Amino acid sequence: MAATQRLPRRGAAVLIFDYGAGTQFRPRPRRFAFAQFRFANYECFGPSYLVRFPVDGHNLQVNVAVGAAASSSVRAEALAILDSIR
């Protein structure tokens, strides 16, 4: 929560949880878009977008918090971080 409370209005934060190989999540999309995420107020990360997907035997949960005044390039950079996970 401290990270999102200090999030600059023009910034973004990406938090990745690795659940290992136990739970099965939906397949990873070829490219990420915020429309694929669920937006809610999550207890461990506050208001953020959430997506879950498997990568190389790891089931990942990703929360992305975006500042109220974040530009489209900041949003695109957050998605590029997710696209880079292999």
PDB file of N, CA and C in Angstrom:
ATOM      1  N   MET A   1       0.820  -1.202   0.000  1.00  0.00           N
ATOM      2  CA  MET A   1       0.000   0.000   0.000  1.00  0.00           C
ATOM      3  C   MET A   1       0.857   1.256   0.000  1.00  0.00           C
ATOM      4  N   ALA A   2       2.010   1.207   0.664  1.00  0.00           N
ATOM      5  CA  ALA A   2       2.866   2.393   0.738  1.00  0.00           C
ATOM      6  C   ALA A   2       3.273   2.859  -0.659  1.00  0.00           C
ATOM      7  N   ALA A   3       3.535   1.916  -1.558  1.00  0.00           N
ATOM      8  CA  ALA A   3       3.942   2.288  -2.918  1.00  0.00           C
ATOM      9  C   ALA A   3       2.846   3.050  -3.643  1.00  0.00           C
ATOM     10  N   THR A   4       1.614   2.593  -3.542  1.00  0.00           N
ATOM     11  CA  THR A   4       0.534   3.280  -4.242  1.00  0.00           C
ATOM     12  C   THR A   4       0.162   4.592  -3.556  1.00  0.00           C
ATOM     13  N   GLN A   5       0.356   4.679  -2.246  1.00  0.00           N
ATOM     14  CA  GLN A   5       0.092   5.937  -1.551  1.00  0.00           C
ATOM     15  C   GLN A   5       1.101   7.011  -1.947  1.00  0.00           C
ATOM     16  N   ARG A   6       2.286   6.595  -2.347  1.00  0.00           N
ATOM     17  CA  ARG A   6       3.335   7.541  -2.772  1.00  0.00           C
ATOM     18  C   ARG A   6       3.430   7.671  -4.283  1.00  0.00           C
ATOM     19  N   LEU A   7       2.552   7.020  -4.995  1.00  0.00           N
ATOM     20  CA  LEU A   7       2.578   7.035  -6.452  1.00  0.00           C
ATOM     21  C   LEU A   7       2.362   8.455  -6.965  1.00  0.00           C
ATOM     22  N   PRO A   8       3.297   8.952  -7.782  1.00  0.00           N
ATOM     23  CA  PRO A   8       3.099  10.290  -8.363  1.00  0.00           C
ATOM     24  C   PRO A   8       1.862  10.301  -9.263  1.00  0.00           C
ATOM     25  N   ARG A   9       1.197  11.422  -9.337  1.00  0.00           N
ATOM     26  CA  ARG A   9      -0.010  11.539 -10.172  1.00  0.00           C
ATOM     27  C   ARG A   9       0.268  11.189 -11.629  1.00  0.00           C
ATOM     28  N   ARG A  10       1.499  11.378 -12.059  1.00  0.00           N
ATOM     29  CA  ARG A  10       1.863  11.089 -13.453  1.00  0.00           C
ATOM     30  C   ARG A  10       2.625   9.776 -13.602  1.00  0.00           C
ATOM     31  N   GLY A  11       2.664   8.973 -12.549  1.00  0.00           N
ATOM     32  CA  GLY A  11       3.455   7.744 -12.561  1.00  0.00           C
ATOM     33  C   GLY A  11       2.618   6.486 -12.654  1.00  0.00           C
ATOM     34  N   ALA A  12       3.321   5.360 -12.599  1.00  0.00           N
ATOM     35  CA  ALA A  12       2.684   4.043 -12.590  1.00  0.00           C
ATOM     36  C   ALA A  12       3.564   3.107 -11.770  1.00  0.00           C
ATOM     37  N   ALA A  13       2.952   2.070 -11.227  1.00  0.00           N
ATOM     38  CA  ALA A  13       3.682   1.057 -10.463  1.00  0.00           C
ATOM     39  C   ALA A  13       3.195  -0.313 -10.893  1.00  0.00           C
ATOM     40  N   VAL A  14       4.144  -1.252 -11.013  1.00  0.00           N
ATOM     41  CA  VAL A  14       3.828  -2.622 -11.415  1.00  0.00           C
ATOM     42  C   VAL A  14       4.309  -3.545 -10.306  1.00  0.00           C
ATOM     43  N   LEU A  15       3.405  -4.377  -9.795  1.00  0.00           N
ATOM     44  CA  LEU A  15       3.736  -5.331  -8.740  1.00  0.00           C
ATOM     45  C   LEU A  15       3.437  -6.734  -9.258  1.00  0.00           C
ATOM     46  N   ILE A  16       4.444  -7.622  -9.182  1.00  0.00           N
ATOM     47  CA  ILE A  16       4.295  -8.973  -9.722  1.00  0.00           C
ATOM     48  C   ILE A  16       4.422  -9.987  -8.594  1.00  0.00           C
ATOM     49  N   PHE A  17       3.428 -10.868  -8.480  1.00  0.00           N
ATOM     50  CA  PHE A  17       3.443 -11.986  -7.536  1.00  0.00           C
ATOM     51  C   PHE A  17       3.646 -13.272  -8.328  1.00  0.00           C
ATOM     52  N   ASP A  18       4.511 -14.143  -7.865  1.00  0.00           N
ATOM     53  CA  ASP A  18       4.731 -15.441  -8.500  1.00  0.00           C
ATOM     54  C   ASP A  18       4.117 -16.518  -7.614  1.00  0.00           C
ATOM     55  N   TYR A  19       3.077 -17.179  -8.104  1.00  0.00           N
ATOM     56  CA  TYR A  19       2.401 -18.234  -7.354  1.00  0.00           C
ATOM     57  C   TYR A  19       2.970 -19.617  -7.646  1.00  0.00           C
ATOM     58  N   GLY A  20       4.066 -19.690  -8.394  1.00  0.00           N
ATOM     59  CA  GLY A  20       4.670 -20.976  -8.707  1.00  0.00           C
ATOM     60  C   GLY A  20       3.829 -21.755  -9.704  1.00  0.00           C
ATOM     61  N   ALA A  21       3.884 -23.074  -9.612  1.00  0.00           N
ATOM     62  CA  ALA A  21       3.247 -23.931 -10.604  1.00  0.00           C
ATOM     63  C   ALA A  21       1.900 -24.488 -10.152  1.00  0.00           C
ATOM     64  N   GLY A  22       1.415 -24.126  -8.984  1.00  0.00           N
ATOM     65  CA  GLY A  22       0.199 -24.735  -8.443  1.00  0.00           C
ATOM     66  C   GLY A  22      -1.077 -24.397  -9.170  1.00  0.00           C
ATOM     67  N   THR A  23      -1.477 -23.142  -9.152  1.00  0.00           N
ATOM     68  CA  THR A  23      -2.754 -22.700  -9.714  1.00  0.00           C
ATOM     69  C   THR A  23      -2.618 -22.474 -11.216  1.00  0.00           C
ATOM     70  N   GLN A  24      -3.681 -22.777 -11.957  1.00  0.00           N
ATOM     71  CA  GLN A  24      -3.654 -22.529 -13.395  1.00  0.00           C
ATOM     72  C   GLN A  24      -4.407 -21.247 -13.715  1.00  0.00           C
ATOM     73  N   PHE A  25      -3.738 -20.325 -14.370  1.00  0.00           N
ATOM     74  CA  PHE A  25      -4.364 -19.087 -14.809  1.00  0.00           C
ATOM     75  C   PHE A  25      -4.631 -19.165 -16.307  1.00  0.00           C
ATOM     76  N   ARG A  26      -5.446 -18.262 -16.793  1.00  0.00           N
ATOM     77  CA  ARG A  26      -5.729 -18.187 -18.233  1.00  0.00           C
ATOM     78  C   ARG A  26      -4.422 -17.972 -19.002  1.00  0.00           C
ATOM     79  N   PRO A  27      -4.384 -18.404 -20.254  1.00  0.00           N
ATOM     80  CA  PRO A  27      -3.164 -18.207 -21.050  1.00  0.00           C
ATOM     81  C   PRO A  27      -2.791 -16.733 -21.176  1.00  0.00           C
ATOM     82  N   ARG A  28      -1.506 -16.507 -21.291  1.00  0.00           N
ATOM     83  CA  ARG A  28      -0.970 -15.152 -21.432  1.00  0.00           C
ATOM     84  C   ARG A  28      -1.362 -14.600 -22.799  1.00  0.00           C
ATOM     85  N   PRO A  29      -1.879 -13.378 -22.840  1.00  0.00           N
ATOM     86  CA  PRO A  29      -2.180 -12.790 -24.146  1.00  0.00           C
ATOM     87  C   PRO A  29      -0.877 -12.460 -24.896  1.00  0.00           C
ATOM     88  N   ARG A  30      -0.973 -12.388 -26.183  1.00  0.00           N
ATOM     89  CA  ARG A  30       0.215 -12.049 -26.984  1.00  0.00           C
ATOM     90  C   ARG A  30       0.716 -10.652 -26.633  1.00  0.00           C
ATOM     91  N   ARG A  31      -0.210  -9.712 -26.478  1.00  0.00           N
ATOM     92  CA  ARG A  31       0.106  -8.335 -26.063  1.00  0.00           C
ATOM     93  C   ARG A  31      -0.916  -7.930 -25.013  1.00  0.00           C
ATOM     94  N   PHE A  32      -0.471  -7.162 -24.047  1.00  0.00           N
ATOM     95  CA  PHE A  32      -1.371  -6.742 -22.970  1.00  0.00           C
ATOM     96  C   PHE A  32      -2.057  -5.425 -23.298  1.00  0.00           C
ATOM     97  N   ALA A  33      -3.284  -5.270 -22.786  1.00  0.00           N
ATOM     98  CA  ALA A  33      -4.051  -4.029 -22.886  1.00  0.00           C
ATOM     99  C   ALA A  33      -4.846  -3.888 -21.591  1.00  0.00           C
ATOM    100  N   PHE A  34      -5.029  -2.655 -21.136  1.00  0.00           N
ATOM    101  CA  PHE A  34      -5.745  -2.448 -19.882  1.00  0.00           C
ATOM    102  C   PHE A  34      -7.170  -3.005 -19.927  1.00  0.00           C
ATOM    103  N   ALA A  35      -7.760  -3.115 -21.102  1.00  0.00           N
ATOM    104  CA  ALA A  35      -9.113  -3.662 -21.224  1.00  0.00           C
ATOM    105  C   ALA A  35      -9.169  -5.129 -20.784  1.00  0.00           C
ATOM    106  N   GLN A  36      -8.034  -5.829 -20.774  1.00  0.00           N
ATOM    107  CA  GLN A  36      -7.988  -7.225 -20.350  1.00  0.00           C
ATOM    108  C   GLN A  36      -7.935  -7.360 -18.832  1.00  0.00           C
ATOM    109  N   PHE A  37      -7.680  -6.269 -18.133  1.00  0.00           N
ATOM    110  CA  PHE A  37      -7.467  -6.300 -16.691  1.00  0.00           C
ATOM    111  C   PHE A  37      -8.772  -6.025 -15.958  1.00  0.00           C
ATOM    112  N   ARG A  38      -8.802  -6.444 -14.710  1.00  0.00           N
ATOM    113  CA  ARG A  38      -9.921  -6.127 -13.823  1.00  0.00           C
ATOM    114  C   ARG A  38      -9.455  -4.962 -12.930  1.00  0.00           C
ATOM    115  N   PHE A  39     -10.229  -3.891 -12.874  1.00  0.00           N
ATOM    116  CA  PHE A  39      -9.887  -2.759 -12.013  1.00  0.00           C
ATOM    117  C   PHE A  39     -10.716  -2.840 -10.739  1.00  0.00           C
ATOM    118  N   ALA A  40     -10.042  -2.736  -9.588  1.00  0.00           N
ATOM    119  CA  ALA A  40     -10.732  -2.764  -8.301  1.00  0.00           C
ATOM    120  C   ALA A  40      -9.796  -2.196  -7.237  1.00  0.00           C
ATOM    121  N   ASN A  41     -10.291  -2.104  -6.019  1.00  0.00           N
ATOM    122  CA  ASN A  41      -9.481  -1.665  -4.889  1.00  0.00           C
ATOM    123  C   ASN A  41      -8.984  -2.923  -4.171  1.00  0.00           C
ATOM    124  N   TYR A  42      -7.786  -3.375  -4.504  1.00  0.00           N
ATOM    125  CA  TYR A  42      -7.243  -4.619  -3.960  1.00  0.00           C
ATOM    126  C   TYR A  42      -6.574  -4.358  -2.622  1.00  0.00           C
ATOM    127  N   GLU A  43      -6.829  -5.249  -1.655  1.00  0.00           N
ATOM    128  CA  GLU A  43      -6.407  -5.011  -0.268  1.00  0.00           C
ATOM    129  C   GLU A  43      -4.907  -4.818  -0.102  1.00  0.00           C
ATOM    130  N   CYS A  44      -4.083  -5.480  -0.893  1.00  0.00           N
ATOM    131  CA  CYS A  44      -2.631  -5.364  -0.720  1.00  0.00           C
ATOM    132  C   CYS A  44      -2.005  -4.279  -1.589  1.00  0.00           C
ATOM    133  N   PHE A  45      -2.772  -3.732  -2.554  1.00  0.00           N
ATOM    134  CA  PHE A  45      -2.161  -2.785  -3.486  1.00  0.00           C
ATOM    135  C   PHE A  45      -3.033  -1.574  -3.766  1.00  0.00           C
ATOM    136  N   GLY A  46      -4.237  -1.543  -3.247  1.00  0.00           N
ATOM    137  CA  GLY A  46      -5.116  -0.399  -3.461  1.00  0.00           C
ATOM    138  C   GLY A  46      -5.743  -0.410  -4.848  1.00  0.00           C
ATOM    139  N   PRO A  47      -6.241   0.744  -5.297  1.00  0.00           N
ATOM    140  CA  PRO A  47      -6.903   0.822  -6.602  1.00  0.00           C
ATOM    141  C   PRO A  47      -5.897   0.500  -7.704  1.00  0.00           C
ATOM    142  N   SER A  48      -6.170  -0.556  -8.450  1.00  0.00           N
ATOM    143  CA  SER A  48      -5.228  -0.971  -9.489  1.00  0.00           C
ATOM    144  C   SER A  48      -5.897  -1.945 -10.446  1.00  0.00           C
ATOM    145  N   TYR A  49      -5.198  -2.174 -11.541  1.00  0.00           N
ATOM    146  CA  TYR A  49      -5.615  -3.164 -12.524  1.00  0.00           C
ATOM    147  C   TYR A  49      -4.955  -4.486 -12.169  1.00  0.00           C
ATOM    148  N   LEU A  50      -5.661  -5.593 -12.373  1.00  0.00           N
ATOM    149  CA  LEU A  50      -5.129  -6.914 -12.049  1.00  0.00           C
ATOM    150  C   LEU A  50      -5.280  -7.842 -13.246  1.00  0.00           C
ATOM    151  N   VAL A  51      -4.224  -8.605 -13.516  1.00  0.00           N
ATOM    152  CA  VAL A  51      -4.263  -9.635 -14.547  1.00  0.00           C
ATOM    153  C   VAL A  51      -3.429 -10.818 -14.055  1.00  0.00           C
ATOM    154  N   ARG A  52      -3.849 -12.025 -14.405  1.00  0.00           N
ATOM    155  CA  ARG A  52      -3.121 -13.239 -14.028  1.00  0.00           C
ATOM    156  C   ARG A  52      -2.837 -14.030 -15.296  1.00  0.00           C
ATOM    157  N   PHE A  53      -1.627 -14.624 -15.359  1.00  0.00           N
ATOM    158  CA  PHE A  53      -1.259 -15.399 -16.534  1.00  0.00           C
ATOM    159  C   PHE A  53      -0.064 -16.293 -16.209  1.00  0.00           C
ATOM    160  N   PRO A  54       0.070 -17.418 -16.928  1.00  0.00           N
ATOM    161  CA  PRO A  54       1.216 -18.297 -16.724  1.00  0.00           C
ATOM    162  C   PRO A  54       2.372 -17.917 -17.649  1.00  0.00           C
ATOM    163  N   VAL A  55       3.595 -18.106 -17.159  1.00  0.00           N
ATOM    164  CA  VAL A  55       4.804 -17.911 -17.960  1.00  0.00           C
ATOM    165  C   VAL A  55       5.819 -18.958 -17.540  1.00  0.00           C
ATOM    166  N   ASP A  56       6.172 -19.844 -18.458  1.00  0.00           N
ATOM    167  CA  ASP A  56       7.252 -20.811 -18.241  1.00  0.00           C
ATOM    168  C   ASP A  56       7.139 -21.546 -16.905  1.00  0.00           C
ATOM    169  N   GLY A  57       5.948 -22.093 -16.621  1.00  0.00           N
ATOM    170  CA  GLY A  57       5.752 -22.858 -15.403  1.00  0.00           C
ATOM    171  C   GLY A  57       5.476 -22.037 -14.162  1.00  0.00           C
ATOM    172  N   HIS A  58       5.384 -20.729 -14.294  1.00  0.00           N
ATOM    173  CA  HIS A  58       5.083 -19.838 -13.166  1.00  0.00           C
ATOM    174  C   HIS A  58       3.735 -19.177 -13.416  1.00  0.00           C
ATOM    175  N   ASN A  59       2.889 -19.150 -12.409  1.00  0.00           N
ATOM    176  CA  ASN A  59       1.615 -18.449 -12.492  1.00  0.00           C
ATOM    177  C   ASN A  59       1.788 -17.086 -11.832  1.00  0.00           C
ATOM    178  N   LEU A  60       1.646 -16.035 -12.639  1.00  0.00           N
ATOM    179  CA  LEU A  60       1.897 -14.678 -12.170  1.00  0.00           C
ATOM    180  C   LEU A  60       0.605 -13.899 -11.997  1.00  0.00           C
ATOM    181  N   GLN A  61       0.579 -13.087 -10.947  1.00  0.00           N
ATOM    182  CA  GLN A  61      -0.476 -12.099 -10.765  1.00  0.00           C
ATOM    183  C   GLN A  61       0.202 -10.750 -10.814  1.00  0.00           C
ATOM    184  N   VAL A  62      -0.333  -9.864 -11.621  1.00  0.00           N
ATOM    185  CA  VAL A  62       0.258  -8.540 -11.779  1.00  0.00           C
ATOM    186  C   VAL A  62      -0.787  -7.486 -11.442  1.00  0.00           C
ATOM    187  N   ASN A  63      -0.409  -6.559 -10.575  1.00  0.00           N
ATOM    188  CA  ASN A  63      -1.220  -5.377 -10.292  1.00  0.00           C
ATOM    189  C   ASN A  63      -0.502  -4.181 -10.895  1.00  0.00           C
ATOM    190  N   VAL A  64      -1.257  -3.330 -11.568  1.00  0.00           N
ATOM    191  CA  VAL A  64      -0.709  -2.107 -12.148  1.00  0.00           C
ATOM    192  C   VAL A  64      -1.532  -0.937 -11.630  1.00  0.00           C
ATOM    193  N   ALA A  65      -0.863  -0.050 -10.901  1.00  0.00           N
ATOM    194  CA  ALA A  65      -1.506   1.183 -10.430  1.00  0.00           C
ATOM    195  C   ALA A  65      -1.047   2.315 -11.344  1.00  0.00           C
ATOM    196  N   VAL A  66      -1.983   3.155 -11.740  1.00  0.00           N
ATOM    197  CA  VAL A  66      -1.684   4.252 -12.655  1.00  0.00           C
ATOM    198  C   VAL A  66      -2.149   5.548 -12.016  1.00  0.00           C
ATOM    199  N   GLY A  67      -1.259   6.530 -11.958  1.00  0.00           N
ATOM    200  CA  GLY A  67      -1.607   7.825 -11.390  1.00  0.00           C
ATOM    201  C   GLY A  67      -2.710   8.509 -12.185  1.00  0.00           C
ATOM    202  N   ALA A  68      -3.456   9.360 -11.506  1.00  0.00           N
ATOM    203  CA  ALA A  68      -4.613  10.029 -12.121  1.00  0.00           C
ATOM    204  C   ALA A  68      -4.238  10.870 -13.338  1.00  0.00           C
ATOM    205  N   ALA A  69      -3.012  11.399 -13.379  1.00  0.00           N
ATOM    206  CA  ALA A  69      -2.590  12.246 -14.494  1.00  0.00           C
ATOM    207  C   ALA A  69      -1.529  11.562 -15.360  1.00  0.00           C
ATOM    208  N   ALA A  70      -1.454  10.243 -15.300  1.00  0.00           N
ATOM    209  CA  ALA A  70      -0.459   9.510 -16.090  1.00  0.00           C
ATOM    210  C   ALA A  70      -0.751   9.660 -17.581  1.00  0.00           C
ATOM    211  N   SER A  71       0.301   9.912 -18.337  1.00  0.00           N
ATOM    212  CA  SER A  71       0.159  10.080 -19.782  1.00  0.00           C
ATOM    213  C   SER A  71      -0.010   8.723 -20.463  1.00  0.00           C
ATOM    214  N   SER A  72      -0.382   8.774 -21.717  1.00  0.00           N
ATOM    215  CA  SER A  72      -0.514   7.533 -22.480  1.00  0.00           C
ATOM    216  C   SER A  72       0.837   6.839 -22.623  1.00  0.00           C
ATOM    217  N   SER A  73       1.936   7.583 -22.637  1.00  0.00           N
ATOM    218  CA  SER A  73       3.253   6.950 -22.746  1.00  0.00           C
ATOM    219  C   SER A  73       3.618   6.227 -21.450  1.00  0.00           C
ATOM    220  N   VAL A  74       3.215   6.752 -20.302  1.00  0.00           N
ATOM    221  CA  VAL A  74       3.453   6.066 -19.026  1.00  0.00           C
ATOM    222  C   VAL A  74       2.637   4.781 -18.980  1.00  0.00           C
ATOM    223  N   ARG A  75       1.397   4.849 -19.411  1.00  0.00           N
ATOM    224  CA  ARG A  75       0.551   3.651 -19.467  1.00  0.00           C
ATOM    225  C   ARG A  75       1.143   2.613 -20.419  1.00  0.00           C
ATOM    226  N   ALA A  76       1.623   3.081 -21.571  1.00  0.00           N
ATOM    227  CA  ALA A  76       2.227   2.174 -22.550  1.00  0.00           C
ATOM    228  C   ALA A  76       3.494   1.532 -21.990  1.00  0.00           C
ATOM    229  N   GLU A  77       4.264   2.276 -21.216  1.00  0.00           N
ATOM    230  CA  GLU A  77       5.475   1.725 -20.617  1.00  0.00           C
ATOM    231  C   GLU A  77       5.137   0.625 -19.605  1.00  0.00           C
ATOM    232  N   ALA A  78       4.092   0.818 -18.828  1.00  0.00           N
ATOM    233  CA  ALA A  78       3.666  -0.216 -17.882  1.00  0.00           C
ATOM    234  C   ALA A  78       3.266  -1.488 -18.632  1.00  0.00           C
ATOM    235  N   LEU A  79       2.539  -1.345 -19.727  1.00  0.00           N
ATOM    236  CA  LEU A  79       2.157  -2.511 -20.530  1.00  0.00           C
ATOM    237  C   LEU A  79       3.378  -3.157 -21.183  1.00  0.00           C
ATOM    238  N   ALA A  80       4.345  -2.348 -21.614  1.00  0.00           N
ATOM    239  CA  ALA A  80       5.562  -2.886 -22.211  1.00  0.00           C
ATOM    240  C   ALA A  80       6.346  -3.738 -21.219  1.00  0.00           C
ATOM    241  N   ILE A  81       6.312  -3.361 -19.950  1.00  0.00           N
ATOM    242  CA  ILE A  81       6.959  -4.174 -18.903  1.00  0.00           C
ATOM    243  C   ILE A  81       6.324  -5.562 -18.897  1.00  0.00           C
ATOM    244  N   LEU A  82       4.992  -5.612 -18.940  1.00  0.00           N
ATOM    245  CA  LEU A  82       4.304  -6.907 -18.943  1.00  0.00           C
ATOM    246  C   LEU A  82       4.590  -7.693 -20.218  1.00  0.00           C
ATOM    247  N   ASP A  83       4.603  -7.001 -21.345  1.00  0.00           N
ATOM    248  CA  ASP A  83       4.883  -7.672 -22.620  1.00  0.00           C
ATOM    249  C   ASP A  83       6.285  -8.269 -22.638  1.00  0.00           C
ATOM    250  N   SER A  84       7.202  -7.711 -21.858  1.00  0.00           N
ATOM    251  CA  SER A  84       8.589  -8.179 -21.853  1.00  0.00           C
ATOM    252  C   SER A  84       8.793  -9.437 -21.008  1.00  0.00           C
ATOM    253  N   ILE A  85       7.816  -9.793 -20.184  1.00  0.00           N
ATOM    254  CA  ILE A  85       7.957 -10.971 -19.323  1.00  0.00           C
ATOM    255  C   ILE A  85       7.859 -12.228 -20.171  1.00  0.00           C
ATOM    256  N   ARG A  86       8.890 -13.006 -20.136  1.00  0.00           N
ATOM    257  CA  ARG A  86       8.920 -14.251 -20.922  1.00  0.00           C
ATOM    258  C   ARG A  86       9.287 -15.375 -19.996  1.00  0.00           C
TER     259      ARG A  86
END
